[in-house]
């Protein structure tokens, strides 16, 4: 009887010991599992894409040299001005000018404008120094070359120049197949730019070729 009781105690002790061992084993596994590093998806930064800067396309100042439309007026800064057509001496071109402008005739040609310091004239490019490089066309002594931001939008524009005193000028290069290259020359005082330049641009825009 004692032996049987001893056997039961031995079996019970073994069972308790087995349970404790399993519990410790489970805790150890949980501990290992909780401490293991968790893998995360690798994030690769895309290289920054630099925006492509493109220059605004140039526009033509002169719409149609060969237009046969006869203009009776020009729209300048929102106002309609009656016009007169004036052919420029020694050149196969002419301008529609508003009644506020006039023609000036000289021995060596003619021009149109408001006065002898505010005018539009034409020059044969190949007769000027630096004809091979339009940006280096001769300018009077003491004048500084520069680019006018507003005029730079026009394909014909090649540059401007001015001095500390005296009028400034803007130049445009007119190209026509089979014809000598021609400079369109604006002269005016810088202080009058806002009043004069819009008129000159509109006059030049409607320049016409006069067939022989």
N, C-alpha and C. Protein backbone atom coordinates (compact mmCIF):
# COMPACT_ATOMS: atom_id res chain seq x y z
N UNK A 1 0.83 -1.20 0.00
CA UNK A 1 0.00 0.00 0.00
C UNK A 1 0.87 1.25 0.00
N UNK A 2 1.90 1.22 0.75
CA UNK A 2 2.84 2.35 0.81
C UNK A 2 3.54 2.53 -0.51
N UNK A 3 3.85 1.36 -1.11
CA UNK A 3 4.52 1.43 -2.41
C UNK A 3 3.63 2.08 -3.46
N UNK A 4 2.35 1.68 -3.41
CA UNK A 4 1.39 2.28 -4.38
C UNK A 4 1.27 3.79 -4.16
N UNK A 5 1.22 4.19 -2.94
CA UNK A 5 1.11 5.61 -2.62
C UNK A 5 2.36 6.36 -3.07
N UNK A 6 3.52 5.73 -2.92
CA UNK A 6 4.79 6.35 -3.35
C UNK A 6 4.83 6.49 -4.86
N UNK A 7 4.28 5.48 -5.53
CA UNK A 7 4.26 5.52 -7.00
C UNK A 7 3.39 6.68 -7.50
N UNK A 8 2.21 6.83 -6.81
CA UNK A 8 1.32 7.93 -7.22
C UNK A 8 2.00 9.28 -7.04
N UNK A 9 2.70 9.42 -5.92
CA UNK A 9 3.39 10.68 -5.67
C UNK A 9 4.47 10.95 -6.73
N UNK A 10 5.15 9.88 -7.12
CA UNK A 10 6.21 10.01 -8.13
C UNK A 10 5.63 10.45 -9.47
N UNK A 11 4.50 9.81 -9.86
CA UNK A 11 3.85 10.15 -11.15
C UNK A 11 3.36 11.59 -11.13
N UNK A 12 2.74 11.97 -10.00
CA UNK A 12 2.22 13.34 -9.87
C UNK A 12 3.35 14.36 -9.95
N UNK A 13 4.48 14.04 -9.31
CA UNK A 13 5.63 14.94 -9.34
C UNK A 13 6.18 15.09 -10.74
N UNK A 14 6.24 13.96 -11.44
CA UNK A 14 6.73 14.00 -12.84
C UNK A 14 5.82 14.85 -13.72
N UNK A 15 4.50 14.71 -13.50
CA UNK A 15 3.53 15.48 -14.30
C UNK A 15 3.69 16.98 -14.06
N UNK A 16 3.88 17.33 -12.75
CA UNK A 16 4.06 18.75 -12.43
C UNK A 16 5.31 19.29 -13.06
N UNK A 17 6.40 18.47 -12.97
CA UNK A 17 7.66 18.91 -13.57
C UNK A 17 7.54 19.06 -15.08
N UNK A 18 6.84 18.17 -15.74
CA UNK A 18 6.66 18.24 -17.20
C UNK A 18 5.89 19.49 -17.59
N UNK A 19 4.85 19.82 -16.78
CA UNK A 19 4.04 21.02 -17.06
C UNK A 19 4.85 22.29 -16.94
N UNK A 20 5.68 22.35 -15.92
CA UNK A 20 6.52 23.54 -15.73
C UNK A 20 7.50 23.69 -16.87
N UNK A 21 8.06 22.54 -17.30
CA UNK A 21 9.02 22.58 -18.40
C UNK A 21 8.38 23.09 -19.68
N UNK A 22 7.14 22.62 -19.95
CA UNK A 22 6.43 23.07 -21.17
C UNK A 22 6.11 24.54 -21.11
N UNK A 23 5.71 25.02 -19.90
CA UNK A 23 5.38 26.43 -19.75
C UNK A 23 6.59 27.31 -20.00
N UNK A 24 7.76 26.88 -19.45
CA UNK A 24 8.98 27.65 -19.64
C UNK A 24 9.39 27.69 -21.10
N UNK A 25 9.19 26.51 -21.76
CA UNK A 25 9.55 26.43 -23.17
C UNK A 25 8.69 27.36 -24.00
N UNK A 26 7.36 27.41 -23.65
CA UNK A 26 6.44 28.28 -24.37
C UNK A 26 6.77 29.74 -24.16
N UNK A 27 7.09 30.11 -22.90
CA UNK A 27 7.43 31.50 -22.61
C UNK A 27 8.68 31.92 -23.35
N UNK A 28 9.63 30.96 -23.44
CA UNK A 28 10.88 31.28 -24.13
C UNK A 28 10.64 31.53 -25.59
N UNK A 29 9.73 30.69 -26.19
CA UNK A 29 9.41 30.87 -27.61
C UNK A 29 8.73 32.18 -27.86
N UNK A 30 7.78 32.55 -26.94
CA UNK A 30 7.07 33.82 -27.10
C UNK A 30 8.03 34.98 -27.00
N UNK A 31 9.00 34.83 -26.06
CA UNK A 31 9.96 35.90 -25.87
C UNK A 31 10.80 36.09 -27.12
N UNK A 32 11.24 34.94 -27.70
CA UNK A 32 12.04 35.03 -28.91
C UNK A 32 11.24 35.64 -30.05
N UNK A 33 9.95 35.25 -30.10
CA UNK A 33 9.11 35.75 -31.19
C UNK A 33 8.89 37.25 -31.07
N UNK A 34 8.67 37.74 -29.82
CA UNK A 34 8.39 39.16 -29.64
C UNK A 34 9.63 40.01 -29.83
N UNK A 35 10.80 39.44 -29.63
CA UNK A 35 12.02 40.23 -29.73
C UNK A 35 12.61 40.18 -31.14
N UNK A 36 12.08 39.31 -32.03
CA UNK A 36 12.62 39.20 -33.38
C UNK A 36 12.29 40.46 -34.17
N UNK A 37 13.23 40.99 -34.96
CA UNK A 37 12.96 42.21 -35.75
C UNK A 37 11.88 41.96 -36.80
N UNK A 38 11.01 42.94 -36.98
CA UNK A 38 9.94 42.83 -37.96
C UNK A 38 10.43 43.43 -39.27
N UNK A 39 10.37 42.71 -40.38
CA UNK A 39 10.85 43.19 -41.67
C UNK A 39 9.84 44.18 -42.27
N UNK A 40 10.32 45.25 -42.74
CA UNK A 40 9.46 46.25 -43.39
C UNK A 40 9.91 46.44 -44.82
N UNK A 41 8.99 46.88 -45.67
CA UNK A 41 9.33 47.10 -47.08
C UNK A 41 10.34 48.23 -47.20
N UNK A 42 11.34 48.03 -48.04
CA UNK A 42 12.34 49.06 -48.23
C UNK A 42 11.75 50.18 -49.09
N UNK A 43 11.96 51.43 -48.70
CA UNK A 43 11.43 52.59 -49.42
C UNK A 43 12.59 53.27 -50.15
N UNK A 44 12.50 53.32 -51.46
CA UNK A 44 13.54 53.95 -52.26
C UNK A 44 13.04 55.28 -52.78
N UNK A 45 13.72 56.32 -52.43
CA UNK A 45 13.30 57.66 -52.87
C UNK A 45 13.60 57.83 -54.34
N UNK A 46 12.60 58.31 -55.10
CA UNK A 46 12.78 58.57 -56.52
C UNK A 46 13.62 59.82 -56.70
N UNK A 47 14.51 59.83 -57.67
CA UNK A 47 15.32 61.04 -57.88
C UNK A 47 14.44 62.21 -58.28
N UNK A 48 14.77 63.37 -57.77
CA UNK A 48 13.97 64.57 -58.08
C UNK A 48 14.08 64.89 -59.56
N UNK A 49 12.96 65.18 -60.20
CA UNK A 49 12.94 65.50 -61.62
C UNK A 49 12.94 67.01 -61.78
N UNK A 50 13.98 67.52 -62.41
CA UNK A 50 14.06 68.97 -62.61
C UNK A 50 13.11 69.39 -63.72
N UNK A 51 12.31 70.43 -63.49
CA UNK A 51 11.40 70.88 -64.55
C UNK A 51 12.17 71.40 -65.75
N UNK A 52 11.67 71.12 -66.94
CA UNK A 52 12.29 71.58 -68.16
C UNK A 52 11.80 72.98 -68.47
N UNK A 53 12.73 73.90 -68.55
CA UNK A 53 12.38 75.28 -68.85
C UNK A 53 12.48 75.52 -70.34
N UNK A 54 11.40 75.94 -70.95
CA UNK A 54 11.39 76.22 -72.38
C UNK A 54 11.05 77.69 -72.59
N UNK A 55 11.78 78.30 -73.48
CA UNK A 55 11.53 79.71 -73.77
C UNK A 55 10.21 79.87 -74.52
N UNK A 56 9.54 80.96 -74.23
CA UNK A 56 8.28 81.23 -74.92
C UNK A 56 8.57 81.42 -76.40
N UNK A 57 7.73 80.86 -77.28
CA UNK A 57 7.97 81.00 -78.71
C UNK A 57 7.89 82.47 -79.14
N UNK A 58 8.76 82.85 -80.06
CA UNK A 58 8.75 84.21 -80.55
C UNK A 58 7.57 84.43 -81.49
N UNK A 59 7.08 85.63 -81.53
CA UNK A 59 5.97 85.97 -82.43
C UNK A 59 6.48 86.93 -83.49
N UNK A 60 5.83 86.93 -84.63
CA UNK A 60 6.18 87.84 -85.70
C UNK A 60 5.56 89.21 -85.44
N UNK A 61 6.35 90.25 -85.58
CA UNK A 61 5.81 91.59 -85.44
C UNK A 61 4.99 91.96 -86.67
N UNK A 62 5.54 91.66 -87.84
CA UNK A 62 4.89 92.04 -89.09
C UNK A 62 4.02 90.89 -89.58
N UNK A 63 2.72 91.13 -89.63
CA UNK A 63 1.76 90.07 -89.95
C UNK A 63 1.86 89.59 -91.39
N UNK A 64 1.72 90.51 -92.34
CA UNK A 64 1.63 90.10 -93.74
C UNK A 64 2.09 91.24 -94.64
N UNK A 65 3.33 91.16 -95.09
CA UNK A 65 3.88 92.20 -95.95
C UNK A 65 3.12 92.32 -97.27
N UNK A 66 2.56 91.21 -97.72
CA UNK A 66 1.93 91.18 -99.04
C UNK A 66 0.42 91.40 -99.01
N UNK A 67 -0.11 91.74 -97.86
CA UNK A 67 -1.55 91.95 -97.76
C UNK A 67 -2.00 93.07 -98.71
N UNK A 68 -3.13 92.83 -99.38
CA UNK A 68 -3.70 93.83 -100.28
C UNK A 68 -4.81 94.62 -99.60
N UNK A 69 -5.04 94.33 -98.33
CA UNK A 69 -6.10 95.04 -97.61
C UNK A 69 -5.73 96.50 -97.42
N UNK A 70 -6.63 97.38 -97.77
CA UNK A 70 -6.41 98.80 -97.57
C UNK A 70 -7.01 99.20 -96.22
N UNK A 71 -6.16 99.68 -95.35
CA UNK A 71 -6.60 100.05 -94.01
C UNK A 71 -7.07 101.49 -93.97
N UNK A 72 -8.18 101.71 -93.32
CA UNK A 72 -8.67 103.08 -93.13
C UNK A 72 -8.40 103.58 -91.72
N UNK A 73 -8.02 102.66 -90.82
CA UNK A 73 -7.73 103.06 -89.44
C UNK A 73 -6.85 102.02 -88.77
N UNK A 74 -6.19 102.44 -87.70
CA UNK A 74 -5.40 101.56 -86.84
C UNK A 74 -5.96 101.64 -85.43
N UNK A 75 -5.98 100.49 -84.75
CA UNK A 75 -6.42 100.47 -83.36
C UNK A 75 -5.18 100.56 -82.47
N UNK A 76 -5.05 101.66 -81.76
CA UNK A 76 -3.87 101.90 -80.93
C UNK A 76 -4.33 102.18 -79.51
N UNK A 77 -3.95 101.29 -78.59
CA UNK A 77 -4.32 101.41 -77.18
C UNK A 77 -5.83 101.62 -77.02
N UNK A 78 -6.59 100.85 -77.77
CA UNK A 78 -8.04 100.86 -77.64
C UNK A 78 -8.77 101.95 -78.41
N UNK A 79 -8.03 102.83 -79.09
CA UNK A 79 -8.66 103.92 -79.85
C UNK A 79 -8.43 103.72 -81.34
N UNK A 80 -9.41 104.10 -82.15
CA UNK A 80 -9.31 104.02 -83.60
C UNK A 80 -8.76 105.33 -84.16
N UNK A 81 -7.73 105.20 -85.02
CA UNK A 81 -7.11 106.38 -85.61
C UNK A 81 -7.17 106.27 -87.14
N UNK A 82 -7.73 107.26 -87.83
CA UNK A 82 -7.71 107.27 -89.30
C UNK A 82 -6.27 107.21 -89.80
N UNK A 83 -6.05 106.53 -90.93
CA UNK A 83 -4.69 106.33 -91.41
C UNK A 83 -4.50 106.84 -92.84
N UNK A 84 -3.24 107.06 -93.17
CA UNK A 84 -2.80 107.40 -94.53
C UNK A 84 -1.64 106.48 -94.88
N UNK A 85 -1.61 105.99 -96.12
CA UNK A 85 -0.50 105.13 -96.53
C UNK A 85 0.63 105.98 -97.07
N UNK A 86 1.85 105.71 -96.59
CA UNK A 86 3.03 106.45 -97.01
C UNK A 86 4.09 105.47 -97.51
N UNK A 87 4.52 105.65 -98.75
CA UNK A 87 5.61 104.84 -99.30
C UNK A 87 6.94 105.47 -98.89
N UNK A 88 7.88 104.64 -98.45
CA UNK A 88 9.19 105.13 -98.00
C UNK A 88 10.14 105.22 -99.19
N UNK A 89 10.71 106.38 -99.41
CA UNK A 89 11.63 106.59 -100.54
C UNK A 89 12.81 105.62 -100.47
N UNK A 90 13.22 105.13 -101.62
CA UNK A 90 14.39 104.27 -101.81
C UNK A 90 14.20 102.86 -101.25
N UNK A 91 12.99 102.54 -100.82
CA UNK A 91 12.69 101.20 -100.30
C UNK A 91 11.36 100.72 -100.88
N UNK A 92 11.23 99.41 -101.10
CA UNK A 92 9.96 98.88 -101.64
C UNK A 92 8.92 98.61 -100.55
N UNK A 93 8.84 99.49 -99.58
CA UNK A 93 7.94 99.30 -98.44
C UNK A 93 7.21 100.59 -98.11
N UNK A 94 6.10 100.44 -97.40
CA UNK A 94 5.36 101.61 -96.95
C UNK A 94 4.65 101.32 -95.65
N UNK A 95 4.15 102.37 -94.99
CA UNK A 95 3.48 102.26 -93.70
C UNK A 95 2.11 102.94 -93.74
N UNK A 96 1.18 102.37 -93.00
CA UNK A 96 -0.06 103.07 -92.68
C UNK A 96 0.20 103.84 -91.40
N UNK A 97 0.07 105.16 -91.45
CA UNK A 97 0.36 105.97 -90.27
C UNK A 97 -0.90 106.69 -89.80
N UNK A 98 -1.07 106.86 -88.49
CA UNK A 98 -2.23 107.60 -87.97
C UNK A 98 -2.07 109.09 -88.25
N UNK A 99 -3.15 109.82 -88.11
CA UNK A 99 -3.13 111.24 -88.42
C UNK A 99 -2.24 112.04 -87.49
N UNK A 100 -1.83 111.46 -86.38
CA UNK A 100 -0.92 112.15 -85.46
C UNK A 100 0.53 112.10 -85.93
N UNK A 101 0.82 111.27 -86.95
CA UNK A 101 2.17 111.17 -87.49
C UNK A 101 2.21 111.82 -88.86
N UNK A 102 3.43 112.06 -89.35
CA UNK A 102 3.60 112.67 -90.68
C UNK A 102 4.81 112.09 -91.38
N UNK A 103 4.94 112.41 -92.64
CA UNK A 103 6.09 111.98 -93.43
C UNK A 103 7.14 113.07 -93.46
N UNK A 104 8.41 112.68 -93.31
CA UNK A 104 9.53 113.60 -93.42
C UNK A 104 10.37 113.17 -94.62
N UNK A 105 10.56 114.08 -95.57
CA UNK A 105 11.28 113.76 -96.80
C UNK A 105 12.63 114.47 -96.80
N UNK A 106 13.69 113.69 -97.07
CA UNK A 106 15.05 114.23 -97.11
C UNK A 106 15.68 113.88 -98.46
N UNK A 107 16.85 114.43 -98.71
CA UNK A 107 17.52 114.15 -99.98
C UNK A 107 17.89 112.68 -100.12
N UNK A 108 18.19 112.04 -98.99
CA UNK A 108 18.63 110.64 -99.03
C UNK A 108 17.55 109.66 -98.60
N UNK A 109 16.28 110.09 -98.65
CA UNK A 109 15.20 109.16 -98.31
C UNK A 109 14.11 109.84 -97.51
N UNK A 110 13.25 109.02 -96.93
CA UNK A 110 12.14 109.56 -96.13
C UNK A 110 11.90 108.68 -94.92
N UNK A 111 11.13 109.22 -93.99
CA UNK A 111 10.77 108.48 -92.79
C UNK A 111 9.43 109.00 -92.29
N UNK A 112 8.84 108.31 -91.32
CA UNK A 112 7.56 108.75 -90.76
C UNK A 112 7.72 108.87 -89.25
N UNK A 113 7.00 109.82 -88.65
CA UNK A 113 7.10 109.97 -87.21
C UNK A 113 6.37 111.17 -86.69
N UNK A 114 6.67 111.51 -85.42
CA UNK A 114 6.08 112.66 -84.77
C UNK A 114 6.97 113.90 -84.90
N UNK A 115 8.27 113.69 -84.97
CA UNK A 115 9.23 114.80 -85.04
C UNK A 115 10.55 114.26 -85.56
N UNK A 116 11.56 115.15 -85.62
CA UNK A 116 12.87 114.70 -86.12
C UNK A 116 13.64 113.88 -85.10
N UNK A 117 13.08 113.69 -83.91
CA UNK A 117 13.72 112.81 -82.91
C UNK A 117 12.85 111.60 -82.57
N UNK A 118 11.62 111.58 -83.07
CA UNK A 118 10.70 110.47 -82.81
C UNK A 118 10.14 109.99 -84.14
N UNK A 119 10.77 108.96 -84.69
CA UNK A 119 10.43 108.55 -86.06
C UNK A 119 10.74 107.07 -86.30
N UNK A 120 10.23 106.57 -87.42
CA UNK A 120 10.54 105.23 -87.92
C UNK A 120 11.24 105.41 -89.26
N UNK A 121 12.39 104.77 -89.41
CA UNK A 121 13.11 104.82 -90.69
C UNK A 121 13.52 103.42 -91.09
N UNK A 122 13.88 103.28 -92.37
CA UNK A 122 14.36 102.01 -92.91
C UNK A 122 15.81 102.16 -93.35
N UNK A 123 16.62 101.14 -93.09
CA UNK A 123 18.04 101.15 -93.45
C UNK A 123 18.38 99.82 -94.11
N UNK A 124 19.15 99.87 -95.19
CA UNK A 124 19.60 98.63 -95.81
C UNK A 124 20.70 98.03 -94.94
N UNK A 125 20.46 96.81 -94.47
CA UNK A 125 21.36 96.20 -93.50
C UNK A 125 22.77 96.02 -94.04
N UNK A 126 22.90 95.66 -95.32
CA UNK A 126 24.23 95.36 -95.85
C UNK A 126 25.09 96.61 -96.04
N UNK A 127 24.50 97.79 -95.84
CA UNK A 127 25.28 99.03 -95.94
C UNK A 127 25.77 99.51 -94.58
N UNK A 128 25.44 98.76 -93.54
CA UNK A 128 25.83 99.17 -92.20
C UNK A 128 26.99 98.34 -91.68
N UNK A 129 27.89 98.93 -90.88
CA UNK A 129 28.97 98.15 -90.26
C UNK A 129 28.40 97.01 -89.43
N UNK A 130 29.08 95.86 -89.47
CA UNK A 130 28.63 94.71 -88.69
C UNK A 130 27.46 94.00 -89.31
N UNK A 131 27.29 94.10 -90.64
CA UNK A 131 26.12 93.51 -91.29
C UNK A 131 26.06 91.99 -91.11
N UNK A 132 27.22 91.35 -90.96
CA UNK A 132 27.22 89.90 -90.81
C UNK A 132 26.69 89.45 -89.45
N UNK A 133 26.74 90.34 -88.46
CA UNK A 133 26.25 90.04 -87.12
C UNK A 133 25.23 91.10 -86.71
N UNK A 134 23.94 90.80 -86.86
CA UNK A 134 22.91 91.83 -86.60
C UNK A 134 23.02 92.50 -85.24
N UNK A 135 23.47 91.75 -84.21
CA UNK A 135 23.54 92.35 -82.87
C UNK A 135 24.68 93.36 -82.73
N UNK A 136 25.55 93.43 -83.74
CA UNK A 136 26.69 94.36 -83.65
C UNK A 136 26.56 95.51 -84.64
N UNK A 137 25.36 95.72 -85.17
CA UNK A 137 25.18 96.87 -86.06
C UNK A 137 25.67 98.13 -85.38
N UNK A 138 26.26 99.00 -86.18
CA UNK A 138 26.86 100.21 -85.65
C UNK A 138 25.85 101.05 -84.86
N UNK A 139 26.30 101.58 -83.73
CA UNK A 139 25.49 102.49 -82.92
C UNK A 139 26.32 103.75 -82.66
N UNK A 140 25.67 104.89 -82.44
CA UNK A 140 26.43 106.13 -82.21
C UNK A 140 27.34 106.02 -80.99
N UNK A 141 28.40 106.80 -81.00
CA UNK A 141 29.31 106.82 -79.87
C UNK A 141 28.61 107.27 -78.59
N UNK A 142 28.94 106.63 -77.49
CA UNK A 142 28.33 106.98 -76.21
C UNK A 142 27.04 106.23 -75.93
N UNK A 143 26.56 105.42 -76.89
CA UNK A 143 25.33 104.65 -76.68
C UNK A 143 25.65 103.27 -76.12
N UNK A 144 24.77 102.78 -75.26
CA UNK A 144 24.93 101.46 -74.66
C UNK A 144 23.87 100.52 -75.20
N UNK A 145 24.28 99.37 -75.68
CA UNK A 145 23.33 98.37 -76.20
C UNK A 145 22.60 97.70 -75.04
N UNK A 146 21.36 97.32 -75.28
CA UNK A 146 20.60 96.56 -74.29
C UNK A 146 19.43 95.87 -74.98
N UNK A 147 18.79 94.95 -74.26
CA UNK A 147 17.62 94.24 -74.76
C UNK A 147 16.38 94.71 -74.01
N UNK A 148 15.38 95.13 -74.73
CA UNK A 148 14.11 95.53 -74.14
C UNK A 148 13.26 94.27 -73.94
N UNK A 149 12.85 93.98 -72.70
CA UNK A 149 12.14 92.73 -72.41
C UNK A 149 10.82 92.62 -73.17
N UNK A 150 10.12 93.72 -73.34
CA UNK A 150 8.85 93.68 -74.06
C UNK A 150 9.07 93.37 -75.54
N UNK A 151 10.08 93.97 -76.13
CA UNK A 151 10.35 93.79 -77.55
C UNK A 151 11.00 92.44 -77.86
N UNK A 152 11.60 91.81 -76.86
CA UNK A 152 12.30 90.54 -77.07
C UNK A 152 11.36 89.41 -77.50
N UNK A 153 10.05 89.61 -77.38
CA UNK A 153 9.10 88.58 -77.81
C UNK A 153 8.98 88.50 -79.33
N UNK A 154 9.47 89.52 -80.04
CA UNK A 154 9.32 89.56 -81.49
C UNK A 154 10.53 88.94 -82.19
N UNK A 155 10.24 88.12 -83.19
CA UNK A 155 11.31 87.41 -83.90
C UNK A 155 12.22 88.37 -84.65
N UNK A 156 11.72 89.51 -85.07
CA UNK A 156 12.52 90.45 -85.86
C UNK A 156 13.42 91.34 -85.00
N UNK A 157 13.16 91.41 -83.71
CA UNK A 157 13.89 92.32 -82.83
C UNK A 157 15.34 91.88 -82.65
N UNK A 158 16.29 92.83 -82.81
CA UNK A 158 17.70 92.49 -82.64
C UNK A 158 18.38 93.30 -81.56
N UNK A 159 17.72 94.31 -80.99
CA UNK A 159 18.34 95.03 -79.90
C UNK A 159 18.01 96.51 -79.88
N UNK A 160 18.43 97.16 -78.78
CA UNK A 160 18.19 98.58 -78.57
C UNK A 160 19.49 99.22 -78.07
N UNK A 161 19.48 100.54 -78.05
CA UNK A 161 20.64 101.27 -77.53
C UNK A 161 20.16 102.63 -77.03
N UNK A 162 20.86 103.17 -76.04
CA UNK A 162 20.53 104.50 -75.55
C UNK A 162 21.74 105.08 -74.83
N UNK A 163 21.70 106.41 -74.68
CA UNK A 163 22.75 107.13 -73.98
C UNK A 163 22.14 107.82 -72.77
N UNK A 164 22.98 108.40 -71.96
CA UNK A 164 22.47 109.08 -70.77
C UNK A 164 21.53 110.22 -71.16
N UNK A 165 21.84 110.88 -72.25
CA UNK A 165 20.99 111.94 -72.77
C UNK A 165 20.76 111.69 -74.26
N UNK A 166 19.63 112.18 -74.76
CA UNK A 166 19.32 111.97 -76.16
C UNK A 166 18.36 110.81 -76.36
N UNK A 167 17.86 110.63 -77.58
CA UNK A 167 16.88 109.57 -77.83
C UNK A 167 17.50 108.18 -77.80
N UNK A 168 16.67 107.21 -77.59
CA UNK A 168 17.06 105.80 -77.68
C UNK A 168 16.58 105.27 -79.02
N UNK A 169 17.01 104.07 -79.38
CA UNK A 169 16.46 103.46 -80.58
C UNK A 169 16.32 101.95 -80.40
N UNK A 170 15.35 101.40 -81.14
CA UNK A 170 15.11 99.96 -81.20
C UNK A 170 15.23 99.54 -82.66
N UNK A 171 15.78 98.36 -82.89
CA UNK A 171 15.96 97.90 -84.27
C UNK A 171 15.39 96.50 -84.47
N UNK A 172 14.81 96.32 -85.65
CA UNK A 172 14.21 95.05 -86.06
C UNK A 172 14.77 94.69 -87.43
N UNK A 173 15.08 93.43 -87.64
CA UNK A 173 15.65 92.99 -88.91
C UNK A 173 14.57 92.32 -89.76
N UNK A 174 14.28 92.92 -90.91
CA UNK A 174 13.25 92.41 -91.81
C UNK A 174 13.91 91.58 -92.91
N UNK A 175 13.50 90.32 -93.02
CA UNK A 175 14.03 89.43 -94.04
C UNK A 175 12.91 89.04 -95.01
N UNK A 176 13.22 89.10 -96.29
CA UNK A 176 12.26 88.72 -97.32
C UNK A 176 13.03 88.04 -98.44
N UNK A 177 12.53 86.88 -98.88
CA UNK A 177 13.22 86.13 -99.93
C UNK A 177 13.43 86.99 -101.16
N UNK A 178 14.67 86.97 -101.66
CA UNK A 178 14.99 87.70 -102.87
C UNK A 178 15.19 89.19 -102.69
N UNK A 179 15.13 89.67 -101.43
CA UNK A 179 15.26 91.10 -101.15
C UNK A 179 16.40 91.33 -100.16
N UNK A 180 17.07 92.49 -100.24
CA UNK A 180 18.10 92.80 -99.24
C UNK A 180 17.48 92.87 -97.84
N UNK A 181 18.24 92.46 -96.84
CA UNK A 181 17.76 92.57 -95.47
C UNK A 181 17.65 94.04 -95.09
N UNK A 182 16.58 94.38 -94.38
CA UNK A 182 16.30 95.77 -94.05
C UNK A 182 16.13 95.95 -92.55
N UNK A 183 16.71 97.01 -92.02
CA UNK A 183 16.53 97.35 -90.60
C UNK A 183 15.36 98.32 -90.46
N UNK A 184 14.45 98.00 -89.55
CA UNK A 184 13.41 98.93 -89.16
C UNK A 184 13.91 99.61 -87.89
N UNK A 185 14.03 100.92 -87.93
CA UNK A 185 14.69 101.68 -86.87
C UNK A 185 13.67 102.60 -86.19
N UNK A 186 13.43 102.38 -84.88
CA UNK A 186 12.58 103.27 -84.08
C UNK A 186 13.49 104.22 -83.32
N UNK A 187 13.21 105.51 -83.37
CA UNK A 187 13.95 106.48 -82.55
C UNK A 187 12.95 107.32 -81.75
N UNK A 188 13.20 107.45 -80.44
CA UNK A 188 12.32 108.23 -79.57
C UNK A 188 13.00 108.42 -78.22
N UNK A 189 12.46 109.32 -77.42
CA UNK A 189 13.03 109.53 -76.09
C UNK A 189 12.49 108.47 -75.12
N UNK A 190 13.36 107.98 -74.28
CA UNK A 190 12.97 106.93 -73.35
C UNK A 190 11.83 107.37 -72.43
N UNK A 191 11.79 108.63 -72.09
CA UNK A 191 10.73 109.13 -71.20
C UNK A 191 9.34 109.08 -71.88
N UNK A 192 9.33 109.02 -73.22
CA UNK A 192 8.08 108.97 -73.97
C UNK A 192 7.71 107.56 -74.43
N UNK A 193 8.42 106.58 -73.93
CA UNK A 193 8.25 105.21 -74.42
C UNK A 193 6.81 104.73 -74.36
N UNK A 194 6.12 104.95 -73.24
CA UNK A 194 4.77 104.41 -73.07
C UNK A 194 3.77 105.01 -74.07
N UNK A 195 4.03 106.22 -74.56
CA UNK A 195 3.13 106.85 -75.52
C UNK A 195 3.54 106.54 -76.95
N UNK A 196 4.84 106.52 -77.22
CA UNK A 196 5.33 106.39 -78.60
C UNK A 196 5.43 104.94 -79.07
N UNK A 197 5.98 104.07 -78.23
CA UNK A 197 6.24 102.70 -78.67
C UNK A 197 4.99 101.96 -79.13
N UNK A 198 3.85 102.01 -78.43
CA UNK A 198 2.67 101.31 -78.93
C UNK A 198 2.25 101.76 -80.33
N UNK A 199 2.41 103.05 -80.63
CA UNK A 199 2.07 103.58 -81.96
C UNK A 199 3.04 103.03 -83.00
N UNK A 200 4.32 103.08 -82.71
CA UNK A 200 5.32 102.60 -83.66
C UNK A 200 5.16 101.10 -83.93
N UNK A 201 4.86 100.33 -82.90
CA UNK A 201 4.68 98.89 -83.09
C UNK A 201 3.48 98.60 -83.99
N UNK A 202 2.41 99.34 -83.78
CA UNK A 202 1.21 99.11 -84.60
C UNK A 202 1.45 99.53 -86.06
N UNK A 203 2.18 100.60 -86.25
CA UNK A 203 2.52 101.04 -87.60
C UNK A 203 3.40 99.99 -88.28
N UNK A 204 4.43 99.52 -87.59
CA UNK A 204 5.32 98.51 -88.17
C UNK A 204 4.58 97.20 -88.43
N UNK A 205 3.65 96.85 -87.57
CA UNK A 205 2.90 95.60 -87.71
C UNK A 205 2.15 95.53 -89.04
N UNK A 206 1.73 96.69 -89.55
CA UNK A 206 0.97 96.74 -90.80
C UNK A 206 1.80 97.27 -91.96
N UNK A 207 3.10 97.08 -91.87
CA UNK A 207 4.01 97.44 -92.96
C UNK A 207 3.63 96.66 -94.20
N UNK A 208 3.82 97.26 -95.39
CA UNK A 208 3.43 96.62 -96.64
C UNK A 208 4.59 96.64 -97.65
N UNK A 209 4.65 95.56 -98.43
CA UNK A 209 5.62 95.49 -99.53
C UNK A 209 4.94 96.09 -100.76
N UNK A 210 5.69 96.96 -101.44
CA UNK A 210 5.17 97.60 -102.65
C UNK A 210 5.84 96.95 -103.85
N UNK A 211 5.09 96.21 -104.63
CA UNK A 211 5.66 95.53 -105.79
C UNK A 211 6.08 96.56 -106.85
N UNK A 212 7.21 96.32 -107.52
CA UNK A 212 7.68 97.26 -108.56
C UNK A 212 6.63 97.40 -109.68
